[in-house]
């Protein structure tokens, strides 16, 4: 593992790991930590709990997910998966239930990101849009339609 961190983290990695709740976790490997942090904060409306050059903990809609810089995963099995990949997470939608798709779409366009699909009411009872973030990850903010 190659770390670029120059400051002390806000908590020890093992303490953070033990504190994670049961359930499904998301970790995104990213080539540009600052770009993904800014996207999460400025476009998705997330709160950055902690961030440095290697790692970030992000809170969004009551859930916590992680960002790890590519360089911090050099001895991890996932390194082979991302090597040479132009788009990360192909085929995966990161669905953000309870996020305002119109607001996220507007913020995405304001910050120069691509909207694959603008906000639209879908037959499955949600209004949603598809936004491409850094490294090609696709985020789908969606809100329940009124009955």
C-alpha atoms as a PDB file:
ATOM      1  CA  UNK A   1       0.000   0.000   0.000  1.00  0.00           C
ATOM      2  CA  UNK A   2       1.389   3.382  -0.998  1.00  0.00           C
ATOM      3  CA  UNK A   3       0.095   6.193   1.132  1.00  0.00           C
ATOM      4  CA  UNK A   4       0.496   9.876   0.337  1.00  0.00           C
ATOM      5  CA  UNK A   5      -1.169  11.062   3.545  1.00  0.00           C
ATOM      6  CA  UNK A   6       0.908  13.642   5.399  1.00  0.00           C
ATOM      7  CA  UNK A   7      -1.458  14.363   8.282  1.00  0.00           C
ATOM      8  CA  UNK A   8      -2.793  12.158  11.048  1.00  0.00           C
ATOM      9  CA  UNK A   9      -6.154  10.605  10.095  1.00  0.00           C
ATOM     10  CA  UNK A  10      -9.186  11.565  12.122  1.00  0.00           C
ATOM     11  CA  UNK A  11      -9.342   8.028  13.514  1.00  0.00           C
ATOM     12  CA  UNK A  12      -7.411   4.781  13.181  1.00  0.00           C
ATOM     13  CA  UNK A  13      -8.432   2.635  10.201  1.00  0.00           C
ATOM     14  CA  UNK A  14      -9.177  -0.340  12.442  1.00  0.00           C
ATOM     15  CA  UNK A  15     -11.452   1.789  14.642  1.00  0.00           C
ATOM     16  CA  UNK A  16     -13.360   3.061  11.605  1.00  0.00           C
ATOM     17  CA  UNK A  17     -13.690  -0.473  10.246  1.00  0.00           C
ATOM     18  CA  UNK A  18     -15.070  -1.782  13.519  1.00  0.00           C
ATOM     19  CA  UNK A  19     -17.551   1.116  13.721  1.00  0.00           C
ATOM     20  CA  UNK A  20     -19.185   0.416  10.345  1.00  0.00           C
ATOM     21  CA  UNK A  21     -22.794  -0.802  10.684  1.00  0.00           C
ATOM     22  CA  UNK A  22     -23.996  -4.124   9.325  1.00  0.00           C
ATOM     23  CA  UNK A  23     -25.341  -3.956   5.780  1.00  0.00           C
ATOM     24  CA  UNK A  24     -24.016  -3.249   2.314  1.00  0.00           C
ATOM     25  CA  UNK A  25     -21.001  -0.986   1.956  1.00  0.00           C
ATOM     26  CA  UNK A  26     -19.740   0.923  -1.042  1.00  0.00           C
ATOM     27  CA  UNK A  27     -16.108   1.743  -1.729  1.00  0.00           C
ATOM     28  CA  UNK A  28     -15.141   3.591  -4.900  1.00  0.00           C
ATOM     29  CA  UNK A  29     -11.595   3.423  -6.206  1.00  0.00           C
ATOM     30  CA  UNK A  30     -10.811   6.800  -7.718  1.00  0.00           C
ATOM     31  CA  UNK A  31      -7.997   8.272  -9.747  1.00  0.00           C
ATOM     32  CA  UNK A  32      -8.535  11.822  -8.451  1.00  0.00           C
ATOM     33  CA  UNK A  33      -9.590  12.092  -4.824  1.00  0.00           C
ATOM     34  CA  UNK A  34     -10.212  15.856  -4.897  1.00  0.00           C
ATOM     35  CA  UNK A  35     -12.433  15.622  -7.981  1.00  0.00           C
ATOM     36  CA  UNK A  36     -14.590  12.854  -6.493  1.00  0.00           C
ATOM     37  CA  UNK A  37     -14.829  14.607  -3.117  1.00  0.00           C
ATOM     38  CA  UNK A  38     -15.940  17.812  -4.847  1.00  0.00           C
ATOM     39  CA  UNK A  39     -18.479  15.890  -6.947  1.00  0.00           C
ATOM     40  CA  UNK A  40     -19.925  14.191  -3.867  1.00  0.00           C
ATOM     41  CA  UNK A  41     -20.140  17.483  -1.976  1.00  0.00           C
ATOM     42  CA  UNK A  42     -21.067  19.968  -4.721  1.00  0.00           C
ATOM     43  CA  UNK A  43     -23.268  17.817  -6.956  1.00  0.00           C
ATOM     44  CA  UNK A  44     -24.719  15.106  -4.719  1.00  0.00           C
ATOM     45  CA  UNK A  45     -24.953  17.250  -1.584  1.00  0.00           C
ATOM     46  CA  UNK A  46     -22.943  14.809   0.520  1.00  0.00           C
ATOM     47  CA  UNK A  47     -21.068  15.628   3.690  1.00  0.00           C
ATOM     48  CA  UNK A  48     -17.366  14.802   3.643  1.00  0.00           C
ATOM     49  CA  UNK A  49     -16.721  13.298   7.074  1.00  0.00           C
ATOM     50  CA  UNK A  50     -12.992  13.004   6.489  1.00  0.00           C
ATOM     51  CA  UNK A  51     -10.733  13.238   3.452  1.00  0.00           C
ATOM     52  CA  UNK A  52      -7.041  13.137   2.685  1.00  0.00           C
ATOM     53  CA  UNK A  53      -4.906  12.164  -0.310  1.00  0.00           C
ATOM     54  CA  UNK A  54      -5.588   8.434   0.205  1.00  0.00           C
ATOM     55  CA  UNK A  55      -9.049   8.001   1.707  1.00  0.00           C
ATOM     56  CA  UNK A  56     -12.379   9.718   2.299  1.00  0.00           C
ATOM     57  CA  UNK A  57     -15.458   8.846   4.321  1.00  0.00           C
ATOM     58  CA  UNK A  58     -18.599  10.356   2.814  1.00  0.00           C
ATOM     59  CA  UNK A  59     -22.082  10.631   4.363  1.00  0.00           C
ATOM     60  CA  UNK A  60     -24.991  10.806   1.948  1.00  0.00           C
ATOM     61  CA  UNK A  61     -28.680  10.341   2.712  1.00  0.00           C
ATOM     62  CA  UNK A  62     -27.928   8.665   6.031  1.00  0.00           C
ATOM     63  CA  UNK A  63     -25.377   6.198   4.641  1.00  0.00           C
ATOM     64  CA  UNK A  64     -21.604   6.253   4.739  1.00  0.00           C
ATOM     65  CA  UNK A  65     -19.441   5.188   1.822  1.00  0.00           C
ATOM     66  CA  UNK A  66     -15.730   5.322   1.151  1.00  0.00           C
ATOM     67  CA  UNK A  67     -13.363   6.594  -1.483  1.00  0.00           C
ATOM     68  CA  UNK A  68      -9.884   5.134  -1.847  1.00  0.00           C
ATOM     69  CA  UNK A  69      -7.248   6.561  -4.166  1.00  0.00           C
ATOM     70  CA  UNK A  70      -5.881   4.095  -6.702  1.00  0.00           C
ATOM     71  CA  UNK A  71      -2.383   4.407  -5.245  1.00  0.00           C
ATOM     72  CA  UNK A  72      -3.629   3.293  -1.819  1.00  0.00           C
ATOM     73  CA  UNK A  73      -4.781  -0.037  -3.289  1.00  0.00           C
ATOM     74  CA  UNK A  74      -1.495  -1.138  -4.869  1.00  0.00           C
ATOM     75  CA  UNK A  75      -1.346  -4.439  -2.946  1.00  0.00           C
ATOM     76  CA  UNK A  76      -5.107  -5.069  -3.112  1.00  0.00           C
ATOM     77  CA  UNK A  77      -6.717  -7.621  -5.481  1.00  0.00           C
ATOM     78  CA  UNK A  78      -8.855  -4.820  -6.974  1.00  0.00           C
ATOM     79  CA  UNK A  79      -5.753  -3.257  -8.526  1.00  0.00           C
ATOM     80  CA  UNK A  80      -5.959  -5.677 -11.440  1.00  0.00           C
ATOM     81  CA  UNK A  81      -9.610  -4.835 -11.997  1.00  0.00           C
ATOM     82  CA  UNK A  82      -8.993  -1.108 -12.460  1.00  0.00           C
ATOM     83  CA  UNK A  83      -5.691  -1.267 -14.350  1.00  0.00           C
ATOM     84  CA  UNK A  84      -6.294   0.206 -17.799  1.00  0.00           C
ATOM     85  CA  UNK A  85     -10.018   0.683 -17.183  1.00  0.00           C
ATOM     86  CA  UNK A  86     -11.350   3.772 -18.911  1.00  0.00           C
ATOM     87  CA  UNK A  87     -14.663   3.708 -17.046  1.00  0.00           C
ATOM     88  CA  UNK A  88     -15.022   2.355 -13.540  1.00  0.00           C
ATOM     89  CA  UNK A  89     -18.064   0.428 -12.401  1.00  0.00           C
ATOM     90  CA  UNK A  90     -19.419  -0.243 -15.890  1.00  0.00           C
ATOM     91  CA  UNK A  91     -22.969  -1.501 -15.522  1.00  0.00           C
ATOM     92  CA  UNK A  92     -23.344  -0.390 -11.905  1.00  0.00           C
ATOM     93  CA  UNK A  93     -25.833   2.297 -10.936  1.00  0.00           C
ATOM     94  CA  UNK A  94     -25.224   4.016  -7.617  1.00  0.00           C
ATOM     95  CA  UNK A  95     -28.846   4.742  -6.743  1.00  0.00           C
ATOM     96  CA  UNK A  96     -29.492   7.592  -4.339  1.00  0.00           C
ATOM     97  CA  UNK A  97     -33.023   7.099  -3.029  1.00  0.00           C
ATOM     98  CA  UNK A  98     -34.419  10.274  -1.550  1.00  0.00           C
ATOM     99  CA  UNK A  99     -32.133  12.623  -3.498  1.00  0.00           C
ATOM    100  CA  UNK A 100     -33.763  15.379  -5.577  1.00  0.00           C
ATOM    101  CA  UNK A 101     -32.991  14.431  -9.201  1.00  0.00           C
ATOM    102  CA  UNK A 102     -33.755  17.913 -10.527  1.00  0.00           C
ATOM    103  CA  UNK A 103     -31.398  19.579  -8.043  1.00  0.00           C
ATOM    104  CA  UNK A 104     -28.644  17.023  -8.643  1.00  0.00           C
ATOM    105  CA  UNK A 105     -29.002  17.351 -12.415  1.00  0.00           C
ATOM    106  CA  UNK A 106     -28.759  21.149 -12.189  1.00  0.00           C
ATOM    107  CA  UNK A 107     -25.684  20.952  -9.941  1.00  0.00           C
ATOM    108  CA  UNK A 108     -24.060  18.367 -12.206  1.00  0.00           C
ATOM    109  CA  UNK A 109     -24.514  20.511 -15.302  1.00  0.00           C
ATOM    110  CA  UNK A 110     -23.342  23.606 -13.424  1.00  0.00           C
ATOM    111  CA  UNK A 111     -20.124  21.787 -12.495  1.00  0.00           C
ATOM    112  CA  UNK A 112     -19.557  20.409 -16.000  1.00  0.00           C
ATOM    113  CA  UNK A 113     -20.646  16.796 -15.497  1.00  0.00           C
ATOM    114  CA  UNK A 114     -22.633  14.729 -18.003  1.00  0.00           C
ATOM    115  CA  UNK A 115     -26.312  13.944 -17.554  1.00  0.00           C
ATOM    116  CA  UNK A 116     -26.928  10.679 -19.413  1.00  0.00           C
ATOM    117  CA  UNK A 117     -30.605  11.272 -18.822  1.00  0.00           C
ATOM    118  CA  UNK A 118     -32.224  14.365 -17.421  1.00  0.00           C
ATOM    119  CA  UNK A 119     -34.760  14.170 -14.602  1.00  0.00           C
ATOM    120  CA  UNK A 120     -37.884  12.360 -15.754  1.00  0.00           C
ATOM    121  CA  UNK A 121     -40.846  10.588 -14.150  1.00  0.00           C
ATOM    122  CA  UNK A 122     -40.509   6.824 -14.599  1.00  0.00           C
ATOM    123  CA  UNK A 123     -43.270   4.203 -14.672  1.00  0.00           C
ATOM    124  CA  UNK A 124     -41.804   2.503 -11.586  1.00  0.00           C
ATOM    125  CA  UNK A 125     -42.906   5.419  -9.389  1.00  0.00           C
ATOM    126  CA  UNK A 126     -39.681   7.405  -9.222  1.00  0.00           C
ATOM    127  CA  UNK A 127     -38.426  10.649 -10.735  1.00  0.00           C
ATOM    128  CA  UNK A 128     -34.781  10.117 -11.567  1.00  0.00           C
ATOM    129  CA  UNK A 129     -31.831  11.163 -13.675  1.00  0.00           C
ATOM    130  CA  UNK A 130     -28.487   9.596 -14.555  1.00  0.00           C
ATOM    131  CA  UNK A 131     -25.314  11.577 -13.844  1.00  0.00           C
ATOM    132  CA  UNK A 132     -21.784  10.538 -14.804  1.00  0.00           C
ATOM    133  CA  UNK A 133     -19.272  11.481 -12.122  1.00  0.00           C
ATOM    134  CA  UNK A 134     -15.489  11.247 -11.980  1.00  0.00           C
ATOM    135  CA  UNK A 135     -13.978   8.011 -13.300  1.00  0.00           C
ATOM    136  CA  UNK A 136     -17.253   7.238 -15.106  1.00  0.00           C
ATOM    137  CA  UNK A 137     -19.275   6.165 -12.069  1.00  0.00           C
ATOM    138  CA  UNK A 138     -23.002   6.607 -12.748  1.00  0.00           C
ATOM    139  CA  UNK A 139     -25.159   8.084  -9.965  1.00  0.00           C
ATOM    140  CA  UNK A 140     -28.963   7.899 -10.122  1.00  0.00           C
ATOM    141  CA  UNK A 141     -30.651  10.320  -7.718  1.00  0.00           C
ATOM    142  CA  UNK A 142     -34.310   9.424  -7.409  1.00  0.00           C
ATOM    143  CA  UNK A 143     -37.362  10.622  -5.519  1.00  0.00           C
ATOM    144  CA  UNK A 144     -40.717   8.900  -5.091  1.00  0.00           C
ATOM    145  CA  UNK A 145     -43.530  10.348  -7.181  1.00  0.00           C
ATOM    146  CA  UNK A 146     -46.673  11.496  -5.387  1.00  0.00           C
ATOM    147  CA  UNK A 147     -49.550   9.044  -5.689  1.00  0.00           C
END
